[in-house]
Amino acid sequence: MYKLYNVRSWGSLAPHCVLEELDVPYQNIWMTPEQVRAPEYREIHPLGYIPALGLPDGRVVIESGAIVSFLVTAHADKGMCPTPGSLDYAEFLSRLHFMSTSLYPTINLTFPGGLYAADESHSAFIVEKAVARTDEIFGILENWLASEGPWLAGETFSAADIYLFMLTLWARPSEKLFLERFSGIARLSAGVRQRPRLKAVLEAHGVLDVGGYNG
């Protein structure tokens, strides 16, 4: 059985939703930020980050994009990704990891007081630049949806849509104002919230309604 190390509204939300959509057995381990920062957790994730997915044999997968990729491929019969090895699957992976490697880390920089700021004024500079960059990247995703949507895999819902939904929760200045500017992403997010298997999970994370994370 899988073990998901999970913090409400953090980066474990997408893997949590994917596990629910796949309908596979797993143990959900709710953690507090204090528990994540504890030295003991470094034995699970060497940087002390969320999420982490414990495998049935005791090994651990880290990084949200890797966890989602593994799960949908290991359970490809559940239809949460295109057929592994197909050209559609290549595009699915490309878009999923475009979000996990280009967008997610940039979103982290939009929060003041980050790791790389020398002082308060430097932090404000980083935040301003990061917000502009995230808008640019979200714009690329919006264009993909406009030309090929309504989902990131065209007419078919996939785990990539869950991943994008998670990232919108942290958008600046707020999810609500963000969705007013990106209509295609707004429709996708609304569609994710309407998924029957996800309602309980999203409620547990406090994001079933728009603005549950930051307004």
N, C-alpha and C. Protein backbone atom coordinates (compact mmCIF):
# COMPACT_ATOMS: atom_id res chain seq x y z
N MET A 1 0.84 -1.20 0.00
CA MET A 1 0.00 0.00 0.00
C MET A 1 0.88 1.25 0.00
N TYR A 2 0.44 2.25 -0.75
CA TYR A 2 1.17 3.52 -0.75
C TYR A 2 0.94 4.28 0.55
N LYS A 3 1.91 5.14 0.88
CA LYS A 3 1.77 6.06 2.01
C LYS A 3 2.03 7.47 1.49
N LEU A 4 1.05 8.35 1.61
CA LEU A 4 1.22 9.73 1.16
C LEU A 4 1.45 10.63 2.37
N TYR A 5 2.60 11.29 2.39
CA TYR A 5 2.91 12.28 3.42
C TYR A 5 2.36 13.62 2.94
N ASN A 6 1.42 14.16 3.69
CA ASN A 6 0.47 15.14 3.17
C ASN A 6 0.31 16.31 4.14
N VAL A 7 0.34 17.54 3.61
CA VAL A 7 0.00 18.73 4.37
C VAL A 7 -1.10 19.46 3.63
N ARG A 8 -2.10 19.92 4.34
CA ARG A 8 -3.25 20.55 3.72
C ARG A 8 -2.85 21.75 2.87
N SER A 9 -3.29 21.72 1.60
CA SER A 9 -3.10 22.80 0.63
C SER A 9 -1.65 23.00 0.21
N TRP A 10 -0.77 22.06 0.52
CA TRP A 10 0.60 22.10 0.04
C TRP A 10 0.73 21.26 -1.24
N GLY A 11 1.96 20.99 -1.63
CA GLY A 11 2.19 20.30 -2.89
C GLY A 11 1.79 18.84 -2.93
N SER A 12 1.33 18.33 -1.83
CA SER A 12 0.80 16.96 -1.80
C SER A 12 -0.63 16.89 -2.30
N LEU A 13 -1.25 18.04 -2.53
CA LEU A 13 -2.67 18.04 -2.93
C LEU A 13 -2.87 17.30 -4.25
N ALA A 14 -2.01 17.56 -5.23
CA ALA A 14 -2.18 16.90 -6.53
C ALA A 14 -2.02 15.38 -6.42
N PRO A 15 -0.95 14.87 -5.80
CA PRO A 15 -0.87 13.42 -5.62
C PRO A 15 -2.06 12.84 -4.85
N HIS A 16 -2.54 13.57 -3.84
CA HIS A 16 -3.70 13.12 -3.07
C HIS A 16 -4.92 12.96 -3.98
N CYS A 17 -5.16 13.96 -4.82
CA CYS A 17 -6.30 13.89 -5.74
C CYS A 17 -6.12 12.77 -6.75
N VAL A 18 -4.91 12.60 -7.24
CA VAL A 18 -4.67 11.53 -8.22
C VAL A 18 -4.91 10.16 -7.59
N LEU A 19 -4.46 9.96 -6.37
CA LEU A 19 -4.73 8.68 -5.70
C LEU A 19 -6.22 8.42 -5.57
N GLU A 20 -6.99 9.45 -5.28
CA GLU A 20 -8.44 9.28 -5.18
C GLU A 20 -9.05 8.94 -6.54
N GLU A 21 -8.63 9.63 -7.58
CA GLU A 21 -9.16 9.35 -8.91
C GLU A 21 -8.79 7.94 -9.38
N LEU A 22 -7.59 7.49 -9.01
CA LEU A 22 -7.17 6.14 -9.40
C LEU A 22 -7.90 5.06 -8.63
N ASP A 23 -8.42 5.41 -7.46
CA ASP A 23 -9.14 4.46 -6.61
C ASP A 23 -8.27 3.26 -6.26
N VAL A 24 -7.05 3.57 -5.80
CA VAL A 24 -6.12 2.52 -5.35
C VAL A 24 -5.93 2.66 -3.85
N PRO A 25 -5.60 1.57 -3.16
CA PRO A 25 -5.41 1.66 -1.70
C PRO A 25 -4.19 2.52 -1.35
N TYR A 26 -4.35 3.36 -0.35
CA TYR A 26 -3.23 4.15 0.15
C TYR A 26 -3.52 4.60 1.57
N GLN A 27 -2.45 4.91 2.29
CA GLN A 27 -2.57 5.46 3.64
C GLN A 27 -2.24 6.94 3.56
N ASN A 28 -3.16 7.77 3.99
CA ASN A 28 -2.93 9.20 4.01
C ASN A 28 -2.37 9.61 5.37
N ILE A 29 -1.20 10.22 5.36
CA ILE A 29 -0.55 10.63 6.61
C ILE A 29 -0.56 12.14 6.67
N TRP A 30 -1.56 12.70 7.37
CA TRP A 30 -1.61 14.15 7.54
C TRP A 30 -0.46 14.60 8.43
N MET A 31 0.20 15.67 8.01
CA MET A 31 1.31 16.21 8.79
C MET A 31 1.11 17.70 9.00
N THR A 32 1.70 18.22 10.04
CA THR A 32 1.71 19.66 10.28
C THR A 32 3.02 20.22 9.74
N PRO A 33 3.06 21.54 9.47
CA PRO A 33 4.34 22.13 9.05
C PRO A 33 5.46 21.87 10.06
N GLU A 34 5.13 21.84 11.34
CA GLU A 34 6.14 21.57 12.36
C GLU A 34 6.70 20.16 12.23
N GLN A 35 5.86 19.20 11.94
CA GLN A 35 6.32 17.83 11.75
C GLN A 35 7.19 17.70 10.51
N VAL A 36 6.85 18.46 9.47
CA VAL A 36 7.65 18.42 8.25
C VAL A 36 9.05 18.97 8.51
N ARG A 37 9.14 20.00 9.36
CA ARG A 37 10.44 20.61 9.66
C ARG A 37 11.28 19.80 10.65
N ALA A 38 10.69 18.79 11.27
CA ALA A 38 11.41 17.99 12.27
C ALA A 38 12.52 17.16 11.62
N PRO A 39 13.63 16.97 12.31
CA PRO A 39 14.74 16.19 11.73
C PRO A 39 14.33 14.78 11.30
N GLU A 40 13.39 14.20 11.99
CA GLU A 40 12.98 12.82 11.67
C GLU A 40 12.43 12.70 10.25
N TYR A 41 11.77 13.76 9.79
CA TYR A 41 11.17 13.70 8.45
C TYR A 41 12.24 13.68 7.37
N ARG A 42 13.45 14.17 7.68
CA ARG A 42 14.54 14.15 6.70
C ARG A 42 14.92 12.72 6.32
N GLU A 43 14.54 11.76 7.15
CA GLU A 43 14.80 10.36 6.80
C GLU A 43 13.87 9.90 5.68
N ILE A 44 12.78 10.63 5.49
CA ILE A 44 11.83 10.30 4.43
C ILE A 44 12.10 11.15 3.19
N HIS A 45 12.24 12.45 3.38
CA HIS A 45 12.59 13.37 2.30
C HIS A 45 13.86 14.11 2.71
N PRO A 46 14.94 13.99 1.96
CA PRO A 46 16.23 14.54 2.40
C PRO A 46 16.24 16.06 2.54
N LEU A 47 15.32 16.77 1.87
CA LEU A 47 15.23 18.22 2.01
C LEU A 47 14.11 18.65 2.94
N GLY A 48 13.35 17.69 3.44
CA GLY A 48 12.25 18.03 4.33
C GLY A 48 11.10 18.69 3.62
N TYR A 49 10.82 18.27 2.38
CA TYR A 49 9.73 18.85 1.60
C TYR A 49 8.54 17.89 1.54
N ILE A 50 7.41 18.46 1.19
CA ILE A 50 6.18 17.72 0.89
C ILE A 50 5.91 17.89 -0.60
N PRO A 51 5.50 16.81 -1.29
CA PRO A 51 5.07 15.51 -0.79
C PRO A 51 6.17 14.46 -0.83
N ALA A 52 5.84 13.34 -0.24
CA ALA A 52 6.63 12.12 -0.39
C ALA A 52 5.63 10.97 -0.46
N LEU A 53 5.96 9.99 -1.28
CA LEU A 53 5.09 8.82 -1.44
C LEU A 53 5.86 7.57 -1.08
N GLY A 54 5.44 6.92 0.02
CA GLY A 54 6.04 5.65 0.40
C GLY A 54 5.51 4.54 -0.49
N LEU A 55 6.41 3.72 -1.00
CA LEU A 55 6.05 2.59 -1.87
C LEU A 55 5.84 1.33 -1.04
N PRO A 56 5.15 0.35 -1.60
CA PRO A 56 4.87 -0.87 -0.83
C PRO A 56 6.11 -1.60 -0.31
N ASP A 57 7.25 -1.41 -0.99
CA ASP A 57 8.47 -2.11 -0.55
C ASP A 57 9.31 -1.28 0.41
N GLY A 58 8.82 -0.11 0.80
CA GLY A 58 9.53 0.71 1.76
C GLY A 58 10.32 1.86 1.15
N ARG A 59 10.54 1.84 -0.16
CA ARG A 59 11.23 2.96 -0.79
C ARG A 59 10.29 4.16 -0.89
N VAL A 60 10.86 5.32 -1.22
CA VAL A 60 10.09 6.56 -1.23
C VAL A 60 10.32 7.30 -2.54
N VAL A 61 9.24 7.81 -3.11
CA VAL A 61 9.32 8.69 -4.28
C VAL A 61 9.08 10.12 -3.81
N ILE A 62 9.94 11.04 -4.23
CA ILE A 62 9.77 12.45 -3.89
C ILE A 62 9.58 13.25 -5.18
N GLU A 63 9.17 14.50 -5.02
CA GLU A 63 8.85 15.44 -6.10
C GLU A 63 7.44 15.15 -6.64
N SER A 64 6.60 16.16 -6.57
CA SER A 64 5.19 15.98 -6.94
C SER A 64 5.01 15.53 -8.38
N GLY A 65 5.80 16.10 -9.30
CA GLY A 65 5.67 15.69 -10.70
C GLY A 65 6.05 14.24 -10.91
N ALA A 66 7.10 13.80 -10.23
CA ALA A 66 7.53 12.40 -10.33
C ALA A 66 6.49 11.46 -9.74
N ILE A 67 5.91 11.86 -8.60
CA ILE A 67 4.89 11.03 -7.96
C ILE A 67 3.68 10.87 -8.87
N VAL A 68 3.20 11.96 -9.44
CA VAL A 68 2.04 11.89 -10.33
C VAL A 68 2.37 11.05 -11.56
N SER A 69 3.54 11.27 -12.15
CA SER A 69 3.94 10.49 -13.33
C SER A 69 3.97 9.00 -13.02
N PHE A 70 4.57 8.66 -11.89
CA PHE A 70 4.65 7.25 -11.51
C PHE A 70 3.26 6.65 -11.32
N LEU A 71 2.41 7.33 -10.58
CA LEU A 71 1.10 6.76 -10.25
C LEU A 71 0.26 6.52 -11.49
N VAL A 72 0.19 7.49 -12.39
CA VAL A 72 -0.68 7.32 -13.56
C VAL A 72 -0.12 6.27 -14.51
N THR A 73 1.19 6.10 -14.53
CA THR A 73 1.80 5.08 -15.38
C THR A 73 1.64 3.70 -14.78
N ALA A 74 1.82 3.61 -13.45
CA ALA A 74 1.66 2.32 -12.77
C ALA A 74 0.23 1.82 -12.83
N HIS A 75 -0.71 2.74 -12.96
CA HIS A 75 -2.14 2.39 -13.01
C HIS A 75 -2.76 2.96 -14.28
N ALA A 76 -2.10 2.70 -15.39
CA ALA A 76 -2.52 3.27 -16.67
C ALA A 76 -3.92 2.84 -17.08
N ASP A 77 -4.37 1.70 -16.55
CA ASP A 77 -5.72 1.21 -16.88
C ASP A 77 -6.81 2.11 -16.32
N LYS A 78 -6.45 3.01 -15.41
CA LYS A 78 -7.45 3.89 -14.80
C LYS A 78 -7.76 5.11 -15.66
N GLY A 79 -6.98 5.32 -16.71
CA GLY A 79 -7.29 6.37 -17.66
C GLY A 79 -6.98 7.79 -17.22
N MET A 80 -6.02 7.96 -16.30
CA MET A 80 -5.67 9.30 -15.86
C MET A 80 -4.52 9.91 -16.67
N CYS A 81 -4.11 9.20 -17.71
CA CYS A 81 -3.11 9.72 -18.65
C CYS A 81 -3.32 9.00 -19.97
N PRO A 82 -2.79 9.56 -21.07
CA PRO A 82 -2.83 8.83 -22.34
C PRO A 82 -2.04 7.52 -22.23
N THR A 83 -2.19 6.66 -23.21
CA THR A 83 -1.51 5.37 -23.21
C THR A 83 0.00 5.56 -23.12
N PRO A 84 0.65 5.01 -22.08
CA PRO A 84 2.10 5.16 -21.96
C PRO A 84 2.82 4.68 -23.21
N GLY A 85 3.77 5.49 -23.64
CA GLY A 85 4.52 5.18 -24.86
C GLY A 85 3.96 5.82 -26.11
N SER A 86 2.75 6.32 -26.03
CA SER A 86 2.13 6.97 -27.19
C SER A 86 2.62 8.40 -27.33
N LEU A 87 2.39 8.99 -28.50
CA LEU A 87 2.77 10.39 -28.71
C LEU A 87 1.96 11.31 -27.82
N ASP A 88 0.70 10.95 -27.58
CA ASP A 88 -0.11 11.75 -26.66
C ASP A 88 0.45 11.71 -25.25
N TYR A 89 0.99 10.57 -24.87
CA TYR A 89 1.60 10.45 -23.54
C TYR A 89 2.84 11.32 -23.44
N ALA A 90 3.61 11.37 -24.52
CA ALA A 90 4.80 12.24 -24.52
C ALA A 90 4.40 13.69 -24.28
N GLU A 91 3.33 14.13 -24.94
CA GLU A 91 2.87 15.50 -24.75
C GLU A 91 2.33 15.70 -23.33
N PHE A 92 1.63 14.71 -22.81
CA PHE A 92 1.14 14.77 -21.43
C PHE A 92 2.29 14.96 -20.46
N LEU A 93 3.34 14.14 -20.58
CA LEU A 93 4.49 14.25 -19.69
C LEU A 93 5.16 15.60 -19.83
N SER A 94 5.27 16.07 -21.07
CA SER A 94 5.91 17.36 -21.32
C SER A 94 5.17 18.47 -20.60
N ARG A 95 3.86 18.47 -20.67
CA ARG A 95 3.08 19.54 -20.05
C ARG A 95 3.07 19.41 -18.53
N LEU A 96 2.99 18.20 -18.04
CA LEU A 96 3.03 17.99 -16.59
C LEU A 96 4.34 18.50 -16.01
N HIS A 97 5.45 18.15 -16.66
CA HIS A 97 6.74 18.53 -16.10
C HIS A 97 7.13 19.97 -16.46
N PHE A 98 6.53 20.53 -17.48
CA PHE A 98 6.65 21.97 -17.71
C PHE A 98 6.11 22.72 -16.49
N MET A 99 4.98 22.24 -15.97
CA MET A 99 4.41 22.87 -14.78
C MET A 99 5.25 22.60 -13.54
N SER A 100 5.72 21.37 -13.38
CA SER A 100 6.42 21.02 -12.13
C SER A 100 7.81 21.62 -12.06
N THR A 101 8.45 21.86 -13.21
CA THR A 101 9.83 22.36 -13.18
C THR A 101 9.95 23.85 -13.52
N SER A 102 9.02 24.38 -14.32
CA SER A 102 9.10 25.79 -14.70
C SER A 102 8.17 26.68 -13.89
N LEU A 103 6.96 26.18 -13.60
CA LEU A 103 5.97 27.01 -12.93
C LEU A 103 6.01 26.87 -11.40
N TYR A 104 6.01 25.67 -10.91
CA TYR A 104 5.95 25.45 -9.45
C TYR A 104 7.09 26.17 -8.71
N PRO A 105 8.36 26.00 -9.13
CA PRO A 105 9.42 26.70 -8.38
C PRO A 105 9.30 28.22 -8.45
N THR A 106 8.77 28.73 -9.57
CA THR A 106 8.61 30.18 -9.70
C THR A 106 7.51 30.67 -8.77
N ILE A 107 6.44 29.89 -8.64
CA ILE A 107 5.39 30.25 -7.69
C ILE A 107 5.95 30.34 -6.28
N ASN A 108 6.84 29.42 -5.93
CA ASN A 108 7.44 29.47 -4.59
C ASN A 108 8.13 30.81 -4.33
N LEU A 109 8.67 31.41 -5.36
CA LEU A 109 9.38 32.68 -5.21
C LEU A 109 8.44 33.87 -5.06
N THR A 110 7.13 33.66 -5.28
CA THR A 110 6.18 34.76 -5.14
C THR A 110 5.77 35.01 -3.69
N PHE A 111 6.26 34.18 -2.78
CA PHE A 111 5.95 34.36 -1.37
C PHE A 111 7.08 35.16 -0.72
N PRO A 112 6.75 36.24 -0.02
CA PRO A 112 7.79 37.08 0.57
C PRO A 112 8.63 36.31 1.59
N GLY A 113 9.85 36.81 1.78
CA GLY A 113 10.73 36.22 2.78
C GLY A 113 11.31 34.89 2.39
N GLY A 114 11.52 34.69 1.10
CA GLY A 114 12.01 33.41 0.62
C GLY A 114 13.48 33.18 0.92
N LEU A 115 13.93 32.01 0.56
CA LEU A 115 15.28 31.55 0.89
C LEU A 115 16.36 32.41 0.25
N TYR A 116 16.07 33.02 -0.91
CA TYR A 116 17.12 33.67 -1.69
C TYR A 116 17.19 35.18 -1.50
N ALA A 117 16.34 35.75 -0.65
CA ALA A 117 16.32 37.20 -0.46
C ALA A 117 17.36 37.63 0.56
N ALA A 118 18.13 38.68 0.20
CA ALA A 118 19.14 39.19 1.12
C ALA A 118 18.52 40.04 2.22
N ASP A 119 17.46 40.76 1.88
CA ASP A 119 16.78 41.60 2.86
C ASP A 119 15.36 41.85 2.37
N GLU A 120 14.63 42.69 3.09
CA GLU A 120 13.21 42.90 2.78
C GLU A 120 13.01 43.52 1.40
N SER A 121 13.83 44.49 1.04
CA SER A 121 13.68 45.12 -0.27
C SER A 121 14.04 44.16 -1.39
N HIS A 122 15.03 43.35 -1.15
CA HIS A 122 15.41 42.33 -2.15
C HIS A 122 14.29 41.31 -2.30
N SER A 123 13.65 40.94 -1.20
CA SER A 123 12.53 40.01 -1.24
C SER A 123 11.40 40.58 -2.10
N ALA A 124 11.11 41.86 -1.92
CA ALA A 124 10.04 42.50 -2.71
C ALA A 124 10.37 42.47 -4.19
N PHE A 125 11.64 42.68 -4.53
CA PHE A 125 12.08 42.64 -5.93
C PHE A 125 11.89 41.24 -6.51
N ILE A 126 12.31 40.22 -5.75
CA ILE A 126 12.16 38.84 -6.22
C ILE A 126 10.69 38.50 -6.42
N VAL A 127 9.85 38.89 -5.47
CA VAL A 127 8.42 38.60 -5.57
C VAL A 127 7.83 39.25 -6.82
N GLU A 128 8.16 40.49 -7.07
CA GLU A 128 7.62 41.19 -8.24
C GLU A 128 8.01 40.49 -9.53
N LYS A 129 9.27 40.13 -9.66
CA LYS A 129 9.74 39.44 -10.85
C LYS A 129 9.11 38.06 -10.99
N ALA A 130 8.97 37.35 -9.87
CA ALA A 130 8.40 36.01 -9.90
C ALA A 130 6.93 36.03 -10.28
N VAL A 131 6.18 37.00 -9.78
CA VAL A 131 4.76 37.11 -10.13
C VAL A 131 4.62 37.35 -11.64
N ALA A 132 5.45 38.23 -12.19
CA ALA A 132 5.39 38.48 -13.63
C ALA A 132 5.73 37.23 -14.43
N ARG A 133 6.71 36.47 -13.95
CA ARG A 133 7.10 35.24 -14.64
C ARG A 133 6.00 34.19 -14.56
N THR A 134 5.37 34.05 -13.40
CA THR A 134 4.29 33.06 -13.30
C THR A 134 3.12 33.43 -14.22
N ASP A 135 2.82 34.72 -14.33
CA ASP A 135 1.76 35.13 -15.25
C ASP A 135 2.10 34.75 -16.70
N GLU A 136 3.37 34.91 -17.04
CA GLU A 136 3.81 34.53 -18.39
C GLU A 136 3.62 33.03 -18.63
N ILE A 137 4.01 32.22 -17.65
CA ILE A 137 3.90 30.77 -17.81
C ILE A 137 2.44 30.33 -17.79
N PHE A 138 1.64 30.91 -16.88
CA PHE A 138 0.21 30.61 -16.89
C PHE A 138 -0.40 31.00 -18.24
N GLY A 139 0.10 32.07 -18.85
CA GLY A 139 -0.40 32.48 -20.16
C GLY A 139 -0.15 31.44 -21.23
N ILE A 140 0.99 30.76 -21.15
CA ILE A 140 1.27 29.67 -22.10
C ILE A 140 0.25 28.55 -21.93
N LEU A 141 -0.03 28.19 -20.69
CA LEU A 141 -1.01 27.14 -20.42
C LEU A 141 -2.40 27.57 -20.88
N GLU A 142 -2.74 28.83 -20.66
CA GLU A 142 -4.03 29.37 -21.11
C GLU A 142 -4.15 29.25 -22.64
N ASN A 143 -3.08 29.54 -23.35
CA ASN A 143 -3.11 29.44 -24.81
C ASN A 143 -3.28 28.00 -25.26
N TRP A 144 -2.62 27.06 -24.57
CA TRP A 144 -2.81 25.65 -24.91
C TRP A 144 -4.27 25.25 -24.74
N LEU A 145 -4.87 25.68 -23.66
CA LEU A 145 -6.27 25.33 -23.42
C LEU A 145 -7.18 25.97 -24.47
N ALA A 146 -6.89 27.19 -24.84
CA ALA A 146 -7.72 27.88 -25.83
C ALA A 146 -7.67 27.19 -27.19
N SER A 147 -6.52 26.67 -27.56
CA SER A 147 -6.37 26.07 -28.89
C SER A 147 -6.65 24.58 -28.92
N GLU A 148 -6.48 23.91 -27.79
CA GLU A 148 -6.57 22.45 -27.80
C GLU A 148 -7.47 21.88 -26.71
N GLY A 149 -8.01 22.72 -25.82
CA GLY A 149 -8.73 22.29 -24.63
C GLY A 149 -10.05 21.61 -24.92
N PRO A 150 -10.86 21.44 -23.87
CA PRO A 150 -10.87 22.19 -22.62
C PRO A 150 -9.86 21.72 -21.56
N TRP A 151 -9.25 20.55 -21.77
CA TRP A 151 -8.28 20.01 -20.82
C TRP A 151 -6.89 20.07 -21.42
N LEU A 152 -5.87 19.86 -20.61
CA LEU A 152 -4.50 19.90 -21.12
C LEU A 152 -4.20 18.75 -22.07
N ALA A 153 -4.99 17.69 -22.01
CA ALA A 153 -4.86 16.58 -22.96
C ALA A 153 -6.00 16.60 -23.97
N GLY A 154 -6.48 17.79 -24.27
CA GLY A 154 -7.54 17.93 -25.27
C GLY A 154 -8.92 17.71 -24.69
N GLU A 155 -9.61 16.73 -25.23
CA GLU A 155 -10.98 16.45 -24.79
C GLU A 155 -11.03 15.55 -23.56
N THR A 156 -9.88 15.06 -23.13
CA THR A 156 -9.84 14.04 -22.07
C THR A 156 -9.23 14.60 -20.79
N PHE A 157 -9.94 14.47 -19.69
CA PHE A 157 -9.43 14.85 -18.37
C PHE A 157 -8.25 13.97 -18.00
N SER A 158 -7.23 14.56 -17.37
CA SER A 158 -6.07 13.78 -16.96
C SER A 158 -5.48 14.36 -15.68
N ALA A 159 -4.48 13.67 -15.18
CA ALA A 159 -3.81 14.12 -13.96
C ALA A 159 -3.12 15.47 -14.15
N ALA A 160 -2.78 15.83 -15.38
CA ALA A 160 -2.17 17.14 -15.63
C ALA A 160 -3.12 18.26 -15.25
N ASP A 161 -4.40 18.06 -15.44
CA ASP A 161 -5.38 19.08 -15.07
C ASP A 161 -5.44 19.26 -13.56
N ILE A 162 -5.32 18.18 -12.82
CA ILE A 162 -5.27 18.26 -11.37
C ILE A 162 -4.05 19.06 -10.93
N TYR A 163 -2.93 18.82 -11.60
CA TYR A 163 -1.70 19.51 -11.25
C TYR A 163 -1.83 21.01 -11.49
N LEU A 164 -2.39 21.38 -12.63
CA LEU A 164 -2.59 22.79 -12.92
C LEU A 164 -3.55 23.42 -11.90
N PHE A 165 -4.60 22.71 -11.58
CA PHE A 165 -5.53 23.21 -10.56
C PHE A 165 -4.81 23.52 -9.26
N MET A 166 -3.95 22.62 -8.82
CA MET A 166 -3.22 22.85 -7.57
C MET A 166 -2.41 24.14 -7.64
N LEU A 167 -1.74 24.38 -8.75
CA LEU A 167 -0.90 25.56 -8.87
C LEU A 167 -1.70 26.86 -8.85
N THR A 168 -2.92 26.81 -9.37
CA THR A 168 -3.74 28.03 -9.38
C THR A 168 -4.13 28.46 -7.97
N LEU A 169 -4.14 27.54 -7.04
CA LEU A 169 -4.54 27.87 -5.67
C LEU A 169 -3.59 28.89 -5.05
N TRP A 170 -2.34 28.90 -5.50
CA TRP A 170 -1.31 29.75 -4.92
C TRP A 170 -1.05 31.00 -5.74
N ALA A 171 -1.86 31.23 -6.77
CA ALA A 171 -1.62 32.36 -7.67
C ALA A 171 -1.76 33.69 -6.94
N ARG A 172 -1.02 34.68 -7.41
CA ARG A 172 -1.04 36.02 -6.82
C ARG A 172 -1.79 36.98 -7.73
N PRO A 173 -2.49 37.96 -7.15
CA PRO A 173 -2.58 38.28 -5.72
C PRO A 173 -3.54 37.36 -4.97
N SER A 174 -4.42 36.64 -5.70
CA SER A 174 -5.33 35.68 -5.08
C SER A 174 -5.85 34.77 -6.17
N GLU A 175 -6.34 33.60 -5.76
CA GLU A 175 -6.92 32.67 -6.74
C GLU A 175 -8.10 33.32 -7.47
N LYS A 176 -8.96 34.00 -6.73
CA LYS A 176 -10.15 34.59 -7.34
C LYS A 176 -9.78 35.60 -8.43
N LEU A 177 -8.87 36.51 -8.11
CA LEU A 177 -8.47 37.52 -9.09
C LEU A 177 -7.72 36.90 -10.26
N PHE A 178 -6.94 35.87 -9.98
CA PHE A 178 -6.24 35.16 -11.05
C PHE A 178 -7.22 34.53 -12.03
N LEU A 179 -8.22 33.84 -11.52
CA LEU A 179 -9.16 33.15 -12.39
C LEU A 179 -9.99 34.12 -13.23
N GLU A 180 -10.16 35.33 -12.74
CA GLU A 180 -10.88 36.33 -13.53
C GLU A 180 -10.09 36.74 -14.77
N ARG A 181 -8.78 36.54 -14.74
CA ARG A 181 -7.92 36.94 -15.86
C ARG A 181 -7.63 35.80 -16.83
N PHE A 182 -7.80 34.57 -16.38
CA PHE A 182 -7.46 33.40 -17.21
C PHE A 182 -8.71 32.51 -17.32
N SER A 183 -9.52 32.79 -18.33
CA SER A 183 -10.84 32.15 -18.41
C SER A 183 -10.75 30.65 -18.69
N GLY A 184 -9.79 30.24 -19.52
CA GLY A 184 -9.66 28.81 -19.81
C GLY A 184 -9.22 28.03 -18.59
N ILE A 185 -8.28 28.57 -17.85
CA ILE A 185 -7.84 27.91 -16.62
C ILE A 185 -8.96 27.93 -15.60
N ALA A 186 -9.76 29.00 -15.58
CA ALA A 186 -10.90 29.07 -14.66
C ALA A 186 -11.89 27.96 -14.94
N ARG A 187 -12.17 27.70 -16.22
CA ARG A 187 -13.10 26.61 -16.57
C ARG A 187 -12.52 25.26 -16.16
N LEU A 188 -11.22 25.09 -16.38
CA LEU A 188 -10.57 23.83 -15.98
C LEU A 188 -10.67 23.65 -14.47
N SER A 189 -10.38 24.69 -13.72
CA SER A 189 -10.43 24.59 -12.26
C SER A 189 -11.83 24.26 -11.76
N ALA A 190 -12.82 24.88 -12.38
CA ALA A 190 -14.21 24.57 -12.00
C ALA A 190 -14.53 23.12 -12.30
N GLY A 191 -14.02 22.61 -13.41
CA GLY A 191 -14.25 21.21 -13.76
C GLY A 191 -13.62 20.25 -12.78
N VAL A 192 -12.42 20.59 -12.30
CA VAL A 192 -11.77 19.75 -11.29
C VAL A 192 -12.60 19.74 -10.01
N ARG A 193 -13.08 20.89 -9.61
CA ARG A 193 -13.86 20.97 -8.37
C ARG A 193 -15.18 20.18 -8.47
N GLN A 194 -15.64 19.93 -9.67
CA GLN A 194 -16.90 19.20 -9.86
C GLN A 194 -16.70 17.69 -9.94
N ARG A 195 -15.46 17.23 -9.94
CA ARG A 195 -15.21 15.79 -10.02
C ARG A 195 -15.74 15.10 -8.76
N PRO A 196 -16.63 14.12 -8.89
CA PRO A 196 -17.25 13.50 -7.70
C PRO A 196 -16.24 12.92 -6.72
N ARG A 197 -15.17 12.29 -7.23
CA ARG A 197 -14.22 11.64 -6.34
C ARG A 197 -13.32 12.64 -5.62
N LEU A 198 -13.33 13.88 -6.06
CA LEU A 198 -12.39 14.84 -5.49
C LEU A 198 -13.01 15.77 -4.46
N LYS A 199 -14.30 15.78 -4.36
CA LYS A 199 -14.94 16.78 -3.49
C LYS A 199 -14.52 16.62 -2.04
N ALA A 200 -14.48 15.41 -1.54
CA ALA A 200 -14.10 15.20 -0.14
C ALA A 200 -12.63 15.58 0.09
N VAL A 201 -11.77 15.26 -0.88
CA VAL A 201 -10.35 15.60 -0.75
C VAL A 201 -10.17 17.11 -0.74
N LEU A 202 -10.82 17.79 -1.67
CA LEU A 202 -10.67 19.25 -1.75
C LEU A 202 -11.24 19.92 -0.51
N GLU A 203 -12.31 19.36 0.02
CA GLU A 203 -12.87 19.91 1.26
C GLU A 203 -11.88 19.72 2.41
N ALA A 204 -11.22 18.57 2.46
CA ALA A 204 -10.25 18.31 3.52
C ALA A 204 -9.07 19.27 3.43
N HIS A 205 -8.72 19.67 2.22
CA HIS A 205 -7.62 20.62 2.03
C HIS A 205 -8.08 22.07 2.16
N GLY A 206 -9.39 22.28 2.32
CA GLY A 206 -9.91 23.62 2.49
C GLY A 206 -10.03 24.42 1.21
N VAL A 207 -10.07 23.73 0.05
CA VAL A 207 -10.07 24.45 -1.23
C VAL A 207 -11.21 24.02 -2.15
N LEU A 208 -12.27 23.48 -1.57
CA LEU A 208 -13.40 23.09 -2.41
C LEU A 208 -14.03 24.30 -3.07
N ASP A 209 -13.99 25.44 -2.40
CA ASP A 209 -14.50 26.67 -2.97
C ASP A 209 -13.34 27.59 -3.37
N VAL A 210 -13.58 28.42 -4.37
CA VAL A 210 -12.56 29.37 -4.82
C VAL A 210 -12.17 30.27 -3.66
N GLY A 211 -10.88 30.49 -3.51
CA GLY A 211 -10.39 31.36 -2.45
C GLY A 211 -10.12 30.68 -1.14
N GLY A 212 -10.25 29.36 -1.09
CA GLY A 212 -10.05 28.65 0.17
C GLY A 212 -8.63 28.75 0.68
N TYR A 213 -7.66 28.92 -0.24
CA TYR A 213 -6.26 29.00 0.21
C TYR A 213 -5.87 30.44 0.58
N ASN A 214 -6.07 31.37 -0.36
CA ASN A 214 -5.58 32.73 -0.09
C ASN A 214 -6.54 33.82 -0.58
N GLY A 215 -7.78 33.48 -0.80
CA GLY A 215 -8.73 34.50 -1.20
C GLY A 215 -8.97 34.56 -2.69
